[in-house]
Protein backbone atom coordinates (compact mmCIF):
# COMPACT_ATOMS: atom_id res chain seq x y z
CA MET A 1 94.54 172.29 154.15
CA SER A 2 96.44 173.31 157.22
CA HIS A 3 99.88 172.34 155.91
CA ARG A 4 102.15 175.11 154.65
CA HIS A 5 103.52 172.81 151.94
CA ASP A 6 100.03 172.26 150.49
CA VAL A 7 99.37 176.00 150.28
CA ASP A 8 102.79 176.61 148.69
CA GLU A 9 102.08 173.92 146.11
CA HIS A 10 98.84 175.70 145.09
CA LEU A 11 100.54 179.10 145.02
CA LEU A 12 103.35 177.88 142.79
CA LYS A 13 100.81 176.53 140.29
CA VAL A 14 99.42 180.05 139.88
CA PRO A 15 101.49 181.76 137.16
CA LEU A 16 101.17 185.05 139.03
CA PHE A 17 103.19 183.62 141.93
CA SER A 18 105.32 180.95 140.23
CA ARG A 19 108.45 183.15 140.14
CA LEU A 20 108.38 184.11 143.81
CA ASP A 21 111.26 183.17 146.09
CA ASP A 22 110.71 181.53 149.49
CA LYS A 23 110.51 184.82 151.41
CA GLU A 24 107.98 186.27 148.96
CA LEU A 25 105.95 183.05 148.98
CA ILE A 26 105.73 183.20 152.77
CA ALA A 27 104.47 186.79 152.53
CA VAL A 28 101.73 185.84 150.04
CA ARG A 29 100.79 182.73 152.01
CA SER A 30 100.21 184.87 155.10
CA LEU A 31 97.39 186.70 153.27
CA LEU A 32 95.40 183.62 152.27
CA THR A 33 92.27 182.38 153.99
CA GLU A 34 90.73 179.01 153.13
CA VAL A 35 87.03 179.27 152.26
CA GLU A 36 84.48 176.56 151.45
CA VAL A 37 81.59 177.38 149.07
CA GLN A 38 78.65 175.35 147.84
CA THR A 39 77.38 174.67 144.33
CA GLY A 40 75.68 177.76 142.91
CA ALA A 41 77.70 180.28 144.91
CA VAL A 42 78.64 183.33 142.83
CA LEU A 43 82.35 183.92 143.36
CA ALA A 44 82.51 187.04 141.19
CA ARG A 45 79.86 189.03 139.35
CA GLU A 46 80.74 190.78 136.10
CA GLY A 47 80.65 194.57 136.37
CA THR A 48 80.81 194.67 140.17
CA HIS A 49 83.78 195.91 142.15
CA GLY A 50 86.30 193.15 142.87
CA HIS A 51 87.46 192.81 146.46
CA GLU A 52 89.49 189.60 146.42
CA PHE A 53 91.66 187.16 144.54
CA LEU A 54 90.71 183.46 144.49
CA ILE A 55 92.79 180.32 143.97
CA ILE A 56 90.75 177.17 143.36
CA VAL A 57 92.00 174.29 145.50
CA SER A 58 89.17 171.87 144.71
CA GLY A 59 85.89 171.94 142.82
CA THR A 60 84.81 173.60 139.58
CA ALA A 61 83.22 176.83 138.42
CA SER A 62 81.74 178.30 135.26
CA VAL A 63 83.00 181.61 133.81
CA ASP A 64 80.56 183.79 131.85
CA ARG A 65 81.08 187.15 130.10
CA GLY A 66 78.11 189.09 128.87
CA GLY A 67 75.90 186.12 129.66
CA VAL A 68 77.96 183.82 127.42
CA HIS A 69 79.81 180.81 128.83
CA VAL A 70 83.52 181.26 128.11
CA ALA A 71 85.29 178.70 130.32
CA ASP A 72 85.20 176.14 133.07
CA VAL A 73 87.81 176.43 135.81
CA GLY A 74 89.07 174.06 138.46
CA PRO A 75 91.94 173.23 140.80
CA GLY A 76 94.99 175.39 140.18
CA ASP A 77 93.01 178.07 138.35
CA PHE A 78 92.64 181.55 139.76
CA GLN A 79 90.22 184.44 139.36
CA GLY A 80 90.25 188.10 140.23
CA GLU A 81 93.86 188.99 139.47
CA ILE A 82 92.90 191.98 137.32
CA SER A 83 90.61 193.47 139.96
CA LEU A 84 93.20 192.57 142.59
CA LEU A 85 95.78 194.79 140.91
CA ASP A 86 93.73 197.67 139.58
CA GLY A 87 90.74 197.71 141.96
CA GLY A 88 88.40 197.81 138.99
CA ASN A 89 85.24 195.94 138.16
CA ARG A 90 85.06 192.21 137.56
CA THR A 91 85.43 191.20 133.92
CA ALA A 92 83.35 188.00 134.26
CA THR A 93 80.83 186.18 136.43
CA VAL A 94 82.21 183.06 138.10
CA THR A 95 79.74 180.57 139.59
CA ALA A 96 80.56 177.38 141.50
CA THR A 97 79.35 174.28 139.64
CA SER A 98 80.34 172.01 142.54
CA PRO A 99 81.31 172.43 146.18
CA MET A 100 84.65 174.25 146.24
CA THR A 101 87.61 174.99 148.46
CA LEU A 102 89.27 178.33 147.73
CA LEU A 103 92.25 180.29 148.97
CA VAL A 104 91.26 183.96 149.19
CA ALA A 105 93.27 187.19 149.56
CA SER A 106 91.67 190.63 149.81
CA ASN A 107 92.72 193.55 147.62
CA GLN A 108 93.63 195.68 150.63
CA GLU A 109 95.92 193.01 152.08
CA PHE A 110 97.53 192.40 148.73
CA HIS A 111 98.24 196.09 148.09
CA SER A 112 99.82 196.36 151.52
CA LEU A 113 102.01 193.36 150.67
CA LEU A 114 103.16 194.96 147.40
CA GLU A 115 104.04 198.17 149.22
CA ASN A 116 106.08 196.25 151.80
CA THR A 117 107.65 193.80 149.33
CA PRO A 118 107.90 195.50 145.90
CA SER A 119 109.99 192.66 144.48
CA ILE A 120 106.78 190.61 144.35
CA ALA A 121 105.25 193.05 141.85
CA CYS A 122 108.33 192.81 139.59
CA ARG A 123 108.20 189.01 139.61
CA MET A 124 104.47 189.06 138.77
CA LEU A 125 104.77 191.22 135.65
CA PRO A 126 105.70 188.44 133.16
CA ALA A 127 102.72 186.35 134.29
CA LEU A 128 100.39 189.34 133.98
CA ALA A 129 101.66 190.08 130.49
CA ALA A 130 101.08 186.45 129.48
CA ARG A 131 97.57 186.53 130.93
CA LEU A 132 96.81 189.75 129.04
CA ARG A 133 98.01 188.19 125.80
CA ALA A 134 95.89 185.11 126.42
CA VAL A 135 92.66 187.02 127.06
CA SER A 136 93.25 189.46 124.22
CA GLY A 137 94.00 186.76 121.65
CA ASP A 138 97.64 187.86 121.45
CA ALA A 139 96.52 191.19 120.05
CA VAL A 140 98.89 193.09 122.30
CA THR A 141 101.66 194.72 120.30
CA HIS A 142 105.27 195.21 121.41
């Protein structure tokens, strides 16, 4: 996936980045590294410190919390946004169920980006609020 257009297409499918303008999209794109993983690779382990954000380009993975299967994810899905922003521990274990291609950004790079381009953080807030509502069963109050 060496074409800029292909990367942009994947970024725009991620709600976290869907509101970014062209300049901001270029800044995020510059952080991403394409990574190939094999079936069985653990992409994130619940309770461990998160160091990166992942966008799934191809392949599938299983998401487990507390040893219970909670979801299957695939192209266009993303993982690690909570740890990306707060530097905390992973909230789930994500394991590749097929060979996968991922776009990866490290926490350190992303925090540097937000410091240099704070408008990105403002544009991400609505997507983060929606994600919080989704994972909390809409229990968040106004």
